[in-house]
Protein backbone atom coordinates (compact mmCIF):
# COMPACT_ATOMS: atom_id res chain seq x y z
CA UNK A 1 -26.26 89.78 9.60
CA UNK A 2 -28.99 89.03 11.82
CA UNK A 3 -27.36 87.21 14.70
CA UNK A 4 -24.71 89.95 14.30
CA UNK A 5 -26.41 92.77 14.82
CA UNK A 6 -28.13 90.24 18.70
CA UNK A 7 -24.68 89.92 19.53
CA UNK A 8 -23.34 93.97 18.55
CA UNK A 9 -26.54 94.51 20.85
CA UNK A 10 -25.64 92.07 23.91
CA UNK A 11 -22.39 93.21 23.68
CA UNK A 12 -23.27 96.74 24.23
CA UNK A 13 -25.62 96.46 27.25
CA UNK A 14 -23.15 94.56 28.48
CA UNK A 15 -20.50 97.55 27.96
CA UNK A 16 -22.61 100.08 29.48
CA UNK A 17 -23.23 97.55 32.62
CA UNK A 18 -19.49 97.20 32.90
CA UNK A 19 -18.53 100.52 32.88
CA UNK A 20 -21.99 101.57 35.42
CA UNK A 21 -20.06 99.25 37.37
CA UNK A 22 -16.37 100.11 37.30
CA UNK A 23 -15.13 97.16 35.51
CA UNK A 24 -12.28 98.91 32.92
CA UNK A 25 -10.52 95.76 32.00
CA UNK A 26 -14.29 93.68 31.10
CA UNK A 27 -15.55 97.52 29.85
CA UNK A 28 -12.53 97.41 27.27
CA UNK A 29 -12.93 93.30 26.31
CA UNK A 30 -16.59 94.08 25.59
CA UNK A 31 -15.80 97.94 23.14
CA UNK A 32 -13.24 95.87 21.35
CA UNK A 33 -16.00 93.09 20.44
CA UNK A 34 -17.74 95.17 19.31
CA UNK A 35 -15.79 97.02 17.15
CA UNK A 36 -15.04 93.67 15.85
CA UNK A 37 -18.56 92.64 15.32
CA UNK A 38 -19.47 96.14 13.44
CA UNK A 39 -16.49 95.35 11.31
CA UNK A 40 -18.38 91.83 10.09
CA UNK A 41 -21.15 94.13 9.85
CA UNK A 42 -20.33 96.53 6.92
CA UNK A 43 -18.14 94.15 5.31
CA UNK A 44 -21.46 91.97 5.10
CA UNK A 45 -23.12 95.17 4.17
CA UNK A 46 -20.02 96.45 1.35
CA UNK A 47 -20.40 92.92 -0.79
């Protein structure tokens, strides 16, 4: 779980950097990866 949270936070920070730099494609890809990490965290918490 701790690794998932760290990966989520890393992707979140990189997404913010991409947005500030105007790199929209990389920003959207980072958001998609954040969403997958969030789903995994919810699944682990539910079980």
